[in-house]
Amino acid sequence: MGLQIYQMKNTAALILVLCNVLLTSSCTSPAKKFTGKWRPVSAVLTGDLKPITLKKSGDHYEIESESLFANLSELHYNKKEDCLTGDAGGITIAVKYNKVSKHITIGPKNIDLISQFMEFEKFR
């Protein structure tokens, strides 16, 4: 009887540890992955793009840039699509985070042409 109780306690402890690991590793907050300083990945593909800063401001996000994205309205997190979206002169812009490369891409939301997206990497 004592051995069974010991095994049940160990099993319960293991289940709690596994649940904690799964919850903490799979749930990265949108603010953490999107905010920060980002620089263009390739000057060849992105032209004269300068680094940008993505900041959370209340319930929305903002891009700070010298000239690029000047007419981009505030960005809002779209939980269903796991991206930020905003309006830029009548065009819906999406900021998507790539979990593998840890880069963001910015471009028109409903266009899948890779040439329409700008890719940025985080730096300090």
PDB file of N, CA and C in Angstrom:
ATOM      1  N   MET A   1       0.816  -1.188   0.000  1.00  0.00           N
ATOM      2  CA  MET A   1       0.000   0.000   0.000  1.00  0.00           C
ATOM      3  C   MET A   1       0.865   1.259   0.000  1.00  0.00           C
ATOM      4  N   GLY A   2       1.913   1.237   0.817  1.00  0.00           N
ATOM      5  CA  GLY A   2       2.802   2.393   0.902  1.00  0.00           C
ATOM      6  C   GLY A   2       3.514   2.673  -0.413  1.00  0.00           C
ATOM      7  N   LEU A   3       3.899   1.619  -1.123  1.00  0.00           N
ATOM      8  CA  LEU A   3       4.573   1.755  -2.406  1.00  0.00           C
ATOM      9  C   LEU A   3       3.642   2.367  -3.455  1.00  0.00           C
ATOM     10  N   GLN A   4       2.378   1.974  -3.456  1.00  0.00           N
ATOM     11  CA  GLN A   4       1.415   2.511  -4.410  1.00  0.00           C
ATOM     12  C   GLN A   4       1.198   4.009  -4.186  1.00  0.00           C
ATOM     13  N   ILE A   5       1.103   4.425  -2.942  1.00  0.00           N
ATOM     14  CA  ILE A   5       0.928   5.847  -2.629  1.00  0.00           C
ATOM     15  C   ILE A   5       2.161   6.624  -3.079  1.00  0.00           C
ATOM     16  N   TYR A   6       3.335   6.080  -2.832  1.00  0.00           N
ATOM     17  CA  TYR A   6       4.583   6.727  -3.255  1.00  0.00           C
ATOM     18  C   TYR A   6       4.621   6.889  -4.775  1.00  0.00           C
ATOM     19  N   GLN A   7       4.244   5.820  -5.504  1.00  0.00           N
ATOM     20  CA  GLN A   7       4.238   5.888  -6.964  1.00  0.00           C
ATOM     21  C   GLN A   7       3.204   6.890  -7.467  1.00  0.00           C
ATOM     22  N   MET A   8       2.042   6.969  -6.830  1.00  0.00           N
ATOM     23  CA  MET A   8       1.008   7.931  -7.226  1.00  0.00           C
ATOM     24  C   MET A   8       1.492   9.360  -7.001  1.00  0.00           C
ATOM     25  N   LYS A   9       2.195   9.605  -5.898  1.00  0.00           N
ATOM     26  CA  LYS A   9       2.725  10.948  -5.621  1.00  0.00           C
ATOM     27  C   LYS A   9       3.763  11.330  -6.677  1.00  0.00           C
ATOM     28  N   ASN A  10       4.641  10.394  -7.022  1.00  0.00           N
ATOM     29  CA  ASN A  10       5.658  10.661  -8.043  1.00  0.00           C
ATOM     30  C   ASN A  10       5.020  10.926  -9.410  1.00  0.00           C
ATOM     31  N   THR A  11       3.992  10.141  -9.741  1.00  0.00           N
ATOM     32  CA  THR A  11       3.295  10.326 -11.018  1.00  0.00           C
ATOM     33  C   THR A  11       2.616  11.688 -11.050  1.00  0.00           C
ATOM     34  N   ALA A  12       1.960  12.067  -9.976  1.00  0.00           N
ATOM     35  CA  ALA A  12       1.285  13.365  -9.906  1.00  0.00           C
ATOM     36  C   ALA A  12       2.302  14.507 -10.011  1.00  0.00           C
ATOM     37  N   ALA A  13       3.433  14.362  -9.338  1.00  0.00           N
ATOM     38  CA  ALA A  13       4.471  15.387  -9.401  1.00  0.00           C
ATOM     39  C   ALA A  13       5.024  15.512 -10.818  1.00  0.00           C
ATOM     40  N   LEU A  14       5.229  14.375 -11.478  1.00  0.00           N
ATOM     41  CA  LEU A  14       5.733  14.382 -12.855  1.00  0.00           C
ATOM     42  C   LEU A  14       4.739  15.056 -13.798  1.00  0.00           C
ATOM     43  N   ILE A  15       3.458  14.771 -13.632  1.00  0.00           N
ATOM     44  CA  ILE A  15       2.424  15.387 -14.468  1.00  0.00           C
ATOM     45  C   ILE A  15       2.415  16.903 -14.261  1.00  0.00           C
ATOM     46  N   LEU A  16       2.527  17.363 -13.033  1.00  0.00           N
ATOM     47  CA  LEU A  16       2.560  18.802 -12.752  1.00  0.00           C
ATOM     48  C   LEU A  16       3.772  19.475 -13.394  1.00  0.00           C
ATOM     49  N   VAL A  17       4.915  18.839 -13.297  1.00  0.00           N
ATOM     50  CA  VAL A  17       6.132  19.384 -13.902  1.00  0.00           C
ATOM     51  C   VAL A  17       5.984  19.472 -15.417  1.00  0.00           C
ATOM     52  N   LEU A  18       5.477  18.412 -16.053  1.00  0.00           N
ATOM     53  CA  LEU A  18       5.292  18.403 -17.504  1.00  0.00           C
ATOM     54  C   LEU A  18       4.295  19.465 -17.953  1.00  0.00           C
ATOM     55  N   CYS A  19       3.207  19.626 -17.230  1.00  0.00           N
ATOM     56  CA  CYS A  19       2.221  20.671 -17.559  1.00  0.00           C
ATOM     57  C   CYS A  19       2.848  22.054 -17.464  1.00  0.00           C
ATOM     58  N   ASN A  20       3.632  22.282 -16.426  1.00  0.00           N
ATOM     59  CA  ASN A  20       4.294  23.572 -16.257  1.00  0.00           C
ATOM     60  C   ASN A  20       5.264  23.855 -17.399  1.00  0.00           C
ATOM     61  N   VAL A  21       6.038  22.853 -17.790  1.00  0.00           N
ATOM     62  CA  VAL A  21       6.988  23.010 -18.893  1.00  0.00           C
ATOM     63  C   VAL A  21       6.252  23.312 -20.190  1.00  0.00           C
ATOM     64  N   LEU A  22       5.193  22.592 -20.471  1.00  0.00           N
ATOM     65  CA  LEU A  22       4.422  22.816 -21.698  1.00  0.00           C
ATOM     66  C   LEU A  22       3.802  24.202 -21.719  1.00  0.00           C
ATOM     67  N   LEU A  23       3.249  24.623 -20.603  1.00  0.00           N
ATOM     68  CA  LEU A  23       2.613  25.943 -20.556  1.00  0.00           C
ATOM     69  C   LEU A  23       3.623  27.068 -20.711  1.00  0.00           C
ATOM     70  N   THR A  24       4.749  26.964 -20.075  1.00  0.00           N
ATOM     71  CA  THR A  24       5.720  28.056 -20.137  1.00  0.00           C
ATOM     72  C   THR A  24       6.494  28.078 -21.444  1.00  0.00           C
ATOM     73  N   SER A  25       6.678  26.942 -22.081  1.00  0.00           N
ATOM     74  CA  SER A  25       7.459  26.925 -23.311  1.00  0.00           C
ATOM     75  C   SER A  25       6.625  27.232 -24.545  1.00  0.00           C
ATOM     76  N   SER A  26       5.345  26.919 -24.525  1.00  0.00           N
ATOM     77  CA  SER A  26       4.539  27.113 -25.723  1.00  0.00           C
ATOM     78  C   SER A  26       3.801  28.448 -25.738  1.00  0.00           C
ATOM     79  N   CYS A  27       3.784  29.151 -24.661  1.00  0.00           N
ATOM     80  CA  CYS A  27       3.034  30.404 -24.594  1.00  0.00           C
ATOM     81  C   CYS A  27       3.975  31.599 -24.491  1.00  0.00           C
ATOM     82  N   THR A  28       4.456  32.053 -25.620  1.00  0.00           N
ATOM     83  CA  THR A  28       5.255  33.259 -25.650  1.00  0.00           C
ATOM     84  C   THR A  28       4.306  34.415 -25.880  1.00  0.00           C
ATOM     85  N   SER A  29       4.376  35.415 -25.030  1.00  0.00           N
ATOM     86  CA  SER A  29       3.444  36.530 -25.183  1.00  0.00           C
ATOM     87  C   SER A  29       3.732  37.282 -26.471  1.00  0.00           C
ATOM     88  N   PRO A  30       2.680  37.817 -27.103  1.00  0.00           N
ATOM     89  CA  PRO A  30       2.884  38.593 -28.325  1.00  0.00           C
ATOM     90  C   PRO A  30       3.847  39.762 -28.104  1.00  0.00           C
ATOM     91  N   ALA A  31       3.732  40.410 -26.960  1.00  0.00           N
ATOM     92  CA  ALA A  31       4.589  41.563 -26.696  1.00  0.00           C
ATOM     93  C   ALA A  31       6.055  41.162 -26.711  1.00  0.00           C
ATOM     94  N   LYS A  32       6.370  40.027 -26.150  1.00  0.00           N
ATOM     95  CA  LYS A  32       7.762  39.587 -26.060  1.00  0.00           C
ATOM     96  C   LYS A  32       8.360  39.283 -27.433  1.00  0.00           C
ATOM     97  N   LYS A  33       7.590  38.624 -28.292  1.00  0.00           N
ATOM     98  CA  LYS A  33       8.163  38.241 -29.578  1.00  0.00           C
ATOM     99  C   LYS A  33       8.145  39.367 -30.605  1.00  0.00           C
ATOM    100  N   PHE A  34       7.219  40.314 -30.502  1.00  0.00           N
ATOM    101  CA  PHE A  34       7.140  41.377 -31.503  1.00  0.00           C
ATOM    102  C   PHE A  34       7.915  42.644 -31.131  1.00  0.00           C
ATOM    103  N   THR A  35       7.982  42.977 -29.853  1.00  0.00           N
ATOM    104  CA  THR A  35       8.592  44.245 -29.465  1.00  0.00           C
ATOM    105  C   THR A  35      10.112  44.183 -29.489  1.00  0.00           C
ATOM    106  N   GLY A  36      10.719  45.328 -29.741  1.00  0.00           N
ATOM    107  CA  GLY A  36      12.170  45.420 -29.750  1.00  0.00           C
ATOM    108  C   GLY A  36      12.680  46.172 -30.959  1.00  0.00           C
ATOM    109  N   LYS A  37      13.997  46.151 -31.101  1.00  0.00           N
ATOM    110  CA  LYS A  37      14.649  46.796 -32.237  1.00  0.00           C
ATOM    111  C   LYS A  37      14.916  45.752 -33.307  1.00  0.00           C
ATOM    112  N   TRP A  38      14.573  46.087 -34.547  1.00  0.00           N
ATOM    113  CA  TRP A  38      14.687  45.158 -35.670  1.00  0.00           C
ATOM    114  C   TRP A  38      15.448  45.825 -36.801  1.00  0.00           C
ATOM    115  N   ARG A  39      16.325  45.069 -37.456  1.00  0.00           N
ATOM    116  CA  ARG A  39      17.054  45.594 -38.607  1.00  0.00           C
ATOM    117  C   ARG A  39      16.776  44.714 -39.820  1.00  0.00           C
ATOM    118  N   PRO A  40      16.842  45.311 -41.018  1.00  0.00           N
ATOM    119  CA  PRO A  40      16.598  44.518 -42.230  1.00  0.00           C
ATOM    120  C   PRO A  40      17.576  43.350 -42.325  1.00  0.00           C
ATOM    121  N   VAL A  41      17.102  42.222 -42.805  1.00  0.00           N
ATOM    122  CA  VAL A  41      17.937  41.030 -42.930  1.00  0.00           C
ATOM    123  C   VAL A  41      18.920  41.176 -44.078  1.00  0.00           C
ATOM    124  N   SER A  42      18.476  41.686 -45.219  1.00  0.00           N
ATOM    125  CA  SER A  42      19.340  41.796 -46.389  1.00  0.00           C
ATOM    126  C   SER A  42      19.137  43.138 -47.072  1.00  0.00           C
ATOM    127  N   ALA A  43      20.201  43.919 -47.169  1.00  0.00           N
ATOM    128  CA  ALA A  43      20.115  45.220 -47.833  1.00  0.00           C
ATOM    129  C   ALA A  43      19.799  45.050 -49.317  1.00  0.00           C
ATOM    130  N   VAL A  44      20.196  43.921 -49.892  1.00  0.00           N
ATOM    131  CA  VAL A  44      19.918  43.667 -51.309  1.00  0.00           C
ATOM    132  C   VAL A  44      18.417  43.554 -51.536  1.00  0.00           C
ATOM    133  N   LEU A  45      17.756  42.815 -50.661  1.00  0.00           N
ATOM    134  CA  LEU A  45      16.316  42.617 -50.821  1.00  0.00           C
ATOM    135  C   LEU A  45      15.494  43.780 -50.295  1.00  0.00           C
ATOM    136  N   THR A  46      16.008  44.496 -49.314  1.00  0.00           N
ATOM    137  CA  THR A  46      15.210  45.521 -48.663  1.00  0.00           C
ATOM    138  C   THR A  46      15.599  46.938 -49.065  1.00  0.00           C
ATOM    139  N   GLY A  47      16.589  47.102 -49.918  1.00  0.00           N
ATOM    140  CA  GLY A  47      16.971  48.448 -50.357  1.00  0.00           C
ATOM    141  C   GLY A  47      17.592  49.259 -49.251  1.00  0.00           C
ATOM    142  N   ASP A  48      17.101  50.454 -49.080  1.00  0.00           N
ATOM    143  CA  ASP A  48      17.665  51.376 -48.088  1.00  0.00           C
ATOM    144  C   ASP A  48      16.898  51.373 -46.773  1.00  0.00           C
ATOM    145  N   LEU A  49      16.336  50.268 -46.394  1.00  0.00           N
ATOM    146  CA  LEU A  49      15.578  50.216 -45.146  1.00  0.00           C
ATOM    147  C   LEU A  49      16.476  50.467 -43.949  1.00  0.00           C
ATOM    148  N   LYS A  50      15.966  51.199 -43.019  1.00  0.00           N
ATOM    149  CA  LYS A  50      16.658  51.475 -41.760  1.00  0.00           C
ATOM    150  C   LYS A  50      16.048  50.590 -40.673  1.00  0.00           C
ATOM    151  N   PRO A  51      16.748  50.428 -39.563  1.00  0.00           N
ATOM    152  CA  PRO A  51      16.171  49.659 -38.452  1.00  0.00           C
ATOM    153  C   PRO A  51      14.868  50.300 -37.964  1.00  0.00           C
ATOM    154  N   ILE A  52      14.017  49.472 -37.402  1.00  0.00           N
ATOM    155  CA  ILE A  52      12.745  49.936 -36.845  1.00  0.00           C
ATOM    156  C   ILE A  52      12.656  49.497 -35.392  1.00  0.00           C
ATOM    157  N   THR A  53      11.755  50.116 -34.651  1.00  0.00           N
ATOM    158  CA  THR A  53      11.478  49.715 -33.282  1.00  0.00           C
ATOM    159  C   THR A  53       9.989  49.448 -33.169  1.00  0.00           C
ATOM    160  N   LEU A  54       9.644  48.301 -32.652  1.00  0.00           N
ATOM    161  CA  LEU A  54       8.245  47.950 -32.401  1.00  0.00           C
ATOM    162  C   LEU A  54       8.005  48.060 -30.906  1.00  0.00           C
ATOM    163  N   LYS A  55       6.999  48.867 -30.522  1.00  0.00           N
ATOM    164  CA  LYS A  55       6.690  49.086 -29.105  1.00  0.00           C
ATOM    165  C   LYS A  55       5.233  48.780 -28.827  1.00  0.00           C
ATOM    166  N   LYS A  56       4.982  48.292 -27.626  1.00  0.00           N
ATOM    167  CA  LYS A  56       3.603  48.101 -27.172  1.00  0.00           C
ATOM    168  C   LYS A  56       3.192  49.371 -26.462  1.00  0.00           C
ATOM    169  N   SER A  57       2.020  49.888 -26.824  1.00  0.00           N
ATOM    170  CA  SER A  57       1.504  51.104 -26.224  1.00  0.00           C
ATOM    171  C   SER A  57       0.049  50.861 -25.833  1.00  0.00           C
ATOM    172  N   GLY A  58      -0.168  50.516 -24.587  1.00  0.00           N
ATOM    173  CA  GLY A  58      -1.523  50.176 -24.143  1.00  0.00           C
ATOM    174  C   GLY A  58      -1.966  48.859 -24.746  1.00  0.00           C
ATOM    175  N   ASP A  59      -3.075  48.884 -25.481  1.00  0.00           N
ATOM    176  CA  ASP A  59      -3.591  47.649 -26.083  1.00  0.00           C
ATOM    177  C   ASP A  59      -3.199  47.496 -27.546  1.00  0.00           C
ATOM    178  N   HIS A  60      -2.307  48.354 -28.025  1.00  0.00           N
ATOM    179  CA  HIS A  60      -1.873  48.244 -29.419  1.00  0.00           C
ATOM    180  C   HIS A  60      -0.350  48.373 -29.512  1.00  0.00           C
ATOM    181  N   TYR A  61       0.158  48.217 -30.731  1.00  0.00           N
ATOM    182  CA  TYR A  61       1.595  48.293 -30.995  1.00  0.00           C
ATOM    183  C   TYR A  61       1.860  49.435 -31.970  1.00  0.00           C
ATOM    184  N   GLU A  62       3.075  49.972 -31.936  1.00  0.00           N
ATOM    185  CA  GLU A  62       3.472  51.045 -32.844  1.00  0.00           C
ATOM    186  C   GLU A  62       4.850  50.740 -33.409  1.00  0.00           C
ATOM    187  N   ILE A  63       5.046  51.144 -34.677  1.00  0.00           N
ATOM    188  CA  ILE A  63       6.359  51.012 -35.317  1.00  0.00           C
ATOM    189  C   ILE A  63       6.995  52.392 -35.338  1.00  0.00           C
ATOM    190  N   GLU A  64       8.191  52.489 -34.803  1.00  0.00           N
ATOM    191  CA  GLU A  64       8.958  53.730 -34.892  1.00  0.00           C
ATOM    192  C   GLU A  64      10.004  53.544 -35.978  1.00  0.00           C
ATOM    193  N   SER A  65      10.003  54.459 -36.944  1.00  0.00           N
ATOM    194  CA  SER A  65      10.906  54.367 -38.081  1.00  0.00           C
ATOM    195  C   SER A  65      11.160  55.770 -38.602  1.00  0.00           C
ATOM    196  N   GLU A  66      12.335  55.986 -39.222  1.00  0.00           N
ATOM    197  CA  GLU A  66      12.669  57.305 -39.749  1.00  0.00           C
ATOM    198  C   GLU A  66      11.682  57.758 -40.813  1.00  0.00           C
ATOM    199  N   SER A  67      11.382  56.906 -41.772  1.00  0.00           N
ATOM    200  CA  SER A  67      10.431  57.298 -42.810  1.00  0.00           C
ATOM    201  C   SER A  67       9.502  56.165 -43.215  1.00  0.00           C
ATOM    202  N   LEU A  68       9.991  54.945 -43.132  1.00  0.00           N
ATOM    203  CA  LEU A  68       9.191  53.803 -43.523  1.00  0.00           C
ATOM    204  C   LEU A  68       8.026  53.619 -42.560  1.00  0.00           C
ATOM    205  N   PHE A  69       6.898  53.250 -43.055  1.00  0.00           N
ATOM    206  CA  PHE A  69       5.702  52.998 -42.265  1.00  0.00           C
ATOM    207  C   PHE A  69       5.168  54.251 -41.581  1.00  0.00           C
ATOM    208  N   ALA A  70       5.492  55.421 -42.103  1.00  0.00           N
ATOM    209  CA  ALA A  70       5.038  56.681 -41.498  1.00  0.00           C
ATOM    210  C   ALA A  70       3.517  56.779 -41.486  1.00  0.00           C
ATOM    211  N   ASN A  71       2.862  56.237 -42.507  1.00  0.00           N
ATOM    212  CA  ASN A  71       1.405  56.321 -42.559  1.00  0.00           C
ATOM    213  C   ASN A  71       0.715  55.071 -42.020  1.00  0.00           C
ATOM    214  N   LEU A  72       1.444  54.232 -41.314  1.00  0.00           N
ATOM    215  CA  LEU A  72       0.865  53.014 -40.746  1.00  0.00           C
ATOM    216  C   LEU A  72       0.189  53.346 -39.424  1.00  0.00           C
ATOM    217  N   SER A  73      -1.093  53.004 -39.355  1.00  0.00           N
ATOM    218  CA  SER A  73      -1.824  53.248 -38.113  1.00  0.00           C
ATOM    219  C   SER A  73      -1.343  52.278 -37.046  1.00  0.00           C
ATOM    220  N   GLU A  74      -1.908  52.403 -35.880  1.00  0.00           N
ATOM    221  CA  GLU A  74      -1.521  51.490 -34.806  1.00  0.00           C
ATOM    222  C   GLU A  74      -1.816  50.051 -35.203  1.00  0.00           C
ATOM    223  N   LEU A  75      -1.020  49.161 -34.666  1.00  0.00           N
ATOM    224  CA  LEU A  75      -1.147  47.731 -34.956  1.00  0.00           C
ATOM    225  C   LEU A  75      -1.859  47.041 -33.799  1.00  0.00           C
ATOM    226  N   HIS A  76      -2.679  46.055 -34.137  1.00  0.00           N
ATOM    227  CA  HIS A  76      -3.384  45.286 -33.115  1.00  0.00           C
ATOM    228  C   HIS A  76      -3.054  43.815 -33.285  1.00  0.00           C
ATOM    229  N   TYR A  77      -2.960  43.116 -32.160  1.00  0.00           N
ATOM    230  CA  TYR A  77      -2.647  41.688 -32.194  1.00  0.00           C
ATOM    231  C   TYR A  77      -3.878  40.904 -32.626  1.00  0.00           C
ATOM    232  N   ASN A  78      -3.713  40.067 -33.635  1.00  0.00           N
ATOM    233  CA  ASN A  78      -4.756  39.183 -34.130  1.00  0.00           C
ATOM    234  C   ASN A  78      -4.431  37.790 -33.592  1.00  0.00           C
ATOM    235  N   LYS A  79      -5.112  37.398 -32.531  1.00  0.00           N
ATOM    236  CA  LYS A  79      -4.809  36.133 -31.860  1.00  0.00           C
ATOM    237  C   LYS A  79      -5.046  34.930 -32.766  1.00  0.00           C
ATOM    238  N   LYS A  80      -6.109  34.974 -33.561  1.00  0.00           N
ATOM    239  CA  LYS A  80      -6.446  33.852 -34.446  1.00  0.00           C
ATOM    240  C   LYS A  80      -5.329  33.581 -35.453  1.00  0.00           C
ATOM    241  N   GLU A  81      -4.747  34.650 -36.015  1.00  0.00           N
ATOM    242  CA  GLU A  81      -3.697  34.502 -37.020  1.00  0.00           C
ATOM    243  C   GLU A  81      -2.295  34.686 -36.443  1.00  0.00           C
ATOM    244  N   ASP A  82      -2.193  34.994 -35.149  1.00  0.00           N
ATOM    245  CA  ASP A  82      -0.925  35.195 -34.459  1.00  0.00           C
ATOM    246  C   ASP A  82      -0.034  36.196 -35.198  1.00  0.00           C
ATOM    247  N   CYS A  83      -0.595  37.373 -35.481  1.00  0.00           N
ATOM    248  CA  CYS A  83       0.172  38.427 -36.148  1.00  0.00           C
ATOM    249  C   CYS A  83      -0.366  39.787 -35.716  1.00  0.00           C
ATOM    250  N   LEU A  84       0.377  40.832 -36.037  1.00  0.00           N
ATOM    251  CA  LEU A  84      -0.081  42.190 -35.814  1.00  0.00           C
ATOM    252  C   LEU A  84      -0.632  42.711 -37.134  1.00  0.00           C
ATOM    253  N   THR A  85      -1.732  43.452 -37.091  1.00  0.00           N
ATOM    254  CA  THR A  85      -2.282  44.036 -38.311  1.00  0.00           C
ATOM    255  C   THR A  85      -2.603  45.501 -38.082  1.00  0.00           C
ATOM    256  N   GLY A  86      -2.506  46.267 -39.160  1.00  0.00           N
ATOM    257  CA  GLY A  86      -2.826  47.690 -39.110  1.00  0.00           C
ATOM    258  C   GLY A  86      -3.098  48.206 -40.505  1.00  0.00           C
ATOM    259  N   ASP A  87      -3.582  49.423 -40.587  1.00  0.00           N
ATOM    260  CA  ASP A  87      -3.929  50.019 -41.863  1.00  0.00           C
ATOM    261  C   ASP A  87      -2.867  51.025 -42.290  1.00  0.00           C
ATOM    262  N   ALA A  88      -2.472  50.946 -43.562  1.00  0.00           N
ATOM    263  CA  ALA A  88      -1.511  51.894 -44.133  1.00  0.00           C
ATOM    264  C   ALA A  88      -2.101  52.417 -45.439  1.00  0.00           C
ATOM    265  N   GLY A  89      -2.818  53.526 -45.352  1.00  0.00           N
ATOM    266  CA  GLY A  89      -3.391  54.129 -46.549  1.00  0.00           C
ATOM    267  C   GLY A  89      -4.356  53.220 -47.283  1.00  0.00           C
ATOM    268  N   GLY A  90      -5.192  52.497 -46.556  1.00  0.00           N
ATOM    269  CA  GLY A  90      -6.185  51.630 -47.176  1.00  0.00           C
ATOM    270  C   GLY A  90      -5.727  50.204 -47.421  1.00  0.00           C
ATOM    271  N   ILE A  91      -4.473  49.893 -47.134  1.00  0.00           N
ATOM    272  CA  ILE A  91      -3.952  48.538 -47.299  1.00  0.00           C
ATOM    273  C   ILE A  91      -3.722  47.949 -45.908  1.00  0.00           C
ATOM    274  N   THR A  92      -4.208  46.754 -45.693  1.00  0.00           N
ATOM    275  CA  THR A  92      -3.983  46.090 -44.406  1.00  0.00           C
ATOM    276  C   THR A  92      -2.588  45.476 -44.411  1.00  0.00           C
ATOM    277  N   ILE A  93      -1.799  45.879 -43.429  1.00  0.00           N
ATOM    278  CA  ILE A  93      -0.423  45.414 -43.282  1.00  0.00           C
ATOM    279  C   ILE A  93      -0.377  44.380 -42.161  1.00  0.00           C
ATOM    280  N   ALA A  94       0.405  43.329 -42.360  1.00  0.00           N
ATOM    281  CA  ALA A  94       0.577  42.288 -41.344  1.00  0.00           C
ATOM    282  C   ALA A  94       2.037  42.208 -40.929  1.00  0.00           C
ATOM    283  N   VAL A  95       2.253  42.070 -39.643  1.00  0.00           N
ATOM    284  CA  VAL A  95       3.583  41.808 -39.091  1.00  0.00           C
ATOM    285  C   VAL A  95       3.515  40.397 -38.541  1.00  0.00           C
ATOM    286  N   LYS A  96       4.293  39.490 -39.144  1.00  0.00           N
ATOM    287  CA  LYS A  96       4.265  38.088 -38.755  1.00  0.00           C
ATOM    288  C   LYS A  96       5.605  37.691 -38.158  1.00  0.00           C
ATOM    289  N   TYR A  97       5.556  36.846 -37.139  1.00  0.00           N
ATOM    290  CA  TYR A  97       6.760  36.354 -36.466  1.00  0.00           C
ATOM    291  C   TYR A  97       7.026  34.921 -36.907  1.00  0.00           C
ATOM    292  N   ASN A  98       8.267  34.660 -37.331  1.00  0.00           N
ATOM    293  CA  ASN A  98       8.676  33.325 -37.743  1.00  0.00           C
ATOM    294  C   ASN A  98       9.388  32.661 -36.569  1.00  0.00           C
ATOM    295  N   LYS A  99       8.791  31.620 -36.023  1.00  0.00           N
ATOM    296  CA  LYS A  99       9.345  30.944 -34.842  1.00  0.00           C
ATOM    297  C   LYS A  99      10.681  30.269 -35.126  1.00  0.00           C
ATOM    298  N   VAL A 100      10.896  29.829 -36.350  1.00  0.00           N
ATOM    299  CA  VAL A 100      12.129  29.119 -36.698  1.00  0.00           C
ATOM    300  C   VAL A 100      13.294  30.101 -36.820  1.00  0.00           C
ATOM    301  N   SER A 101      13.138  31.132 -37.641  1.00  0.00           N
ATOM    302  CA  SER A 101      14.231  32.088 -37.857  1.00  0.00           C
ATOM    303  C   SER A 101      14.266  33.179 -36.794  1.00  0.00           C
ATOM    304  N   LYS A 102      13.167  33.326 -36.052  1.00  0.00           N
ATOM    305  CA  LYS A 102      13.004  34.386 -35.041  1.00  0.00           C
ATOM    306  C   LYS A 102      13.087  35.772 -35.685  1.00  0.00           C
ATOM    307  N   HIS A 103      12.613  35.870 -36.916  1.00  0.00           N
ATOM    308  CA  HIS A 103      12.536  37.128 -37.657  1.00  0.00           C
ATOM    309  C   HIS A 103      11.071  37.543 -37.769  1.00  0.00           C
ATOM    310  N   ILE A 104      10.863  38.811 -38.108  1.00  0.00           N
ATOM    311  CA  ILE A 104       9.518  39.259 -38.442  1.00  0.00           C
ATOM    312  C   ILE A 104       9.487  39.627 -39.921  1.00  0.00           C
ATOM    313  N   THR A 105       8.325  39.480 -40.517  1.00  0.00           N
ATOM    314  CA  THR A 105       8.116  39.953 -41.878  1.00  0.00           C
ATOM    315  C   THR A 105       6.984  40.969 -41.826  1.00  0.00           C
ATOM    316  N   ILE A 106       7.119  42.006 -42.640  1.00  0.00           N
ATOM    317  CA  ILE A 106       6.106  43.056 -42.717  1.00  0.00           C
ATOM    318  C   ILE A 106       5.705  43.194 -44.175  1.00  0.00           C
ATOM    319  N   GLY A 107       4.404  43.154 -44.417  1.00  0.00           N
ATOM    320  CA  GLY A 107       3.928  43.290 -45.787  1.00  0.00           C
ATOM    321  C   GLY A 107       2.418  43.281 -45.848  1.00  0.00           C
ATOM    322  N   PRO A 108       1.867  43.388 -47.054  1.00  0.00           N
ATOM    323  CA  PRO A 108       0.414  43.357 -47.221  1.00  0.00           C
ATOM    324  C   PRO A 108      -0.162  42.046 -46.690  1.00  0.00           C
ATOM    325  N   LYS A 109      -1.269  42.137 -45.966  1.00  0.00           N
ATOM    326  CA  LYS A 109      -1.829  40.969 -45.282  1.00  0.00           C
ATOM    327  C   LYS A 109      -2.309  39.877 -46.229  1.00  0.00           C
ATOM    328  N   ASN A 110      -2.953  40.223 -47.290  1.00  0.00           N
ATOM    329  CA  ASN A 110      -3.578  39.209 -48.144  1.00  0.00           C
ATOM    330  C   ASN A 110      -2.794  38.902 -49.409  1.00  0.00           C
ATOM    331  N   ILE A 111      -1.525  39.238 -49.438  1.00  0.00           N
ATOM    332  CA  ILE A 111      -0.689  38.944 -50.604  1.00  0.00           C
ATOM    333  C   ILE A 111       0.420  38.016 -50.151  1.00  0.00           C
ATOM    334  N   ASP A 112       0.570  36.889 -50.834  1.00  0.00           N
ATOM    335  CA  ASP A 112       1.559  35.886 -50.429  1.00  0.00           C
ATOM    336  C   ASP A 112       2.859  35.950 -51.230  1.00  0.00           C
ATOM    337  N   LEU A 113       3.037  36.980 -52.040  1.00  0.00           N
ATOM    338  CA  LEU A 113       4.278  37.097 -52.805  1.00  0.00           C
ATOM    339  C   LEU A 113       5.412  37.468 -51.867  1.00  0.00           C
ATOM    340  N   ILE A 114       6.451  36.657 -51.830  1.00  0.00           N
ATOM    341  CA  ILE A 114       7.580  36.893 -50.926  1.00  0.00           C
ATOM    342  C   ILE A 114       8.258  38.222 -51.217  1.00  0.00           C
ATOM    343  N   SER A 115       8.205  38.671 -52.469  1.00  0.00           N
ATOM    344  CA  SER A 115       8.855  39.937 -52.828  1.00  0.00           C
ATOM    345  C   SER A 115       8.151  41.135 -52.219  1.00  0.00           C
ATOM    346  N   GLN A 116       6.924  40.967 -51.743  1.00  0.00           N
ATOM    347  CA  GLN A 116       6.170  42.065 -51.141  1.00  0.00           C
ATOM    348  C   GLN A 116       6.451  42.215 -49.649  1.00  0.00           C
ATOM    349  N   PHE A 117       7.207  41.291 -49.072  1.00  0.00           N
ATOM    350  CA  PHE A 117       7.468  41.324 -47.640  1.00  0.00           C
ATOM    351  C   PHE A 117       8.888  41.776 -47.349  1.00  0.00           C
ATOM    352  N   MET A 118       9.045  42.500 -46.244  1.00  0.00           N
ATOM    353  CA  MET A 118      10.356  42.909 -45.767  1.00  0.00           C
ATOM    354  C   MET A 118      10.653  42.085 -44.523  1.00  0.00           C
ATOM    355  N   GLU A 119      11.842  41.526 -44.443  1.00  0.00           N
ATOM    356  CA  GLU A 119      12.197  40.676 -43.312  1.00  0.00           C
ATOM    357  C   GLU A 119      13.184  41.410 -42.410  1.00  0.00           C
ATOM    358  N   PHE A 120      12.940  41.298 -41.100  1.00  0.00           N
ATOM    359  CA  PHE A 120      13.775  41.972 -40.107  1.00  0.00           C
ATOM    360  C   PHE A 120      14.224  40.972 -39.061  1.00  0.00           C
ATOM    361  N   GLU A 121      15.436  41.202 -38.513  1.00  0.00           N
ATOM    362  CA  GLU A 121      15.929  40.388 -37.412  1.00  0.00           C
ATOM    363  C   GLU A 121      16.111  41.289 -36.184  1.00  0.00           C
ATOM    364  N   LYS A 122      15.913  40.706 -35.011  1.00  0.00           N
ATOM    365  CA  LYS A 122      16.027  41.470 -33.762  1.00  0.00           C
ATOM    366  C   LYS A 122      17.495  41.699 -33.430  1.00  0.00           C
ATOM    367  N   PHE A 123      17.791  42.888 -32.919  1.00  0.00           N
ATOM    368  CA  PHE A 123      19.144  43.170 -32.431  1.00  0.00           C
ATOM    369  C   PHE A 123      19.024  44.047 -31.203  1.00  0.00           C
ATOM    370  N   ARG A 124      20.123  44.174 -30.498  1.00  0.00           N
ATOM    371  CA  ARG A 124      20.099  44.969 -29.247  1.00  0.00           C
ATOM    372  C   ARG A 124      20.699  46.318 -29.455  1.00  0.00           C
TER     373      ARG A 124
END
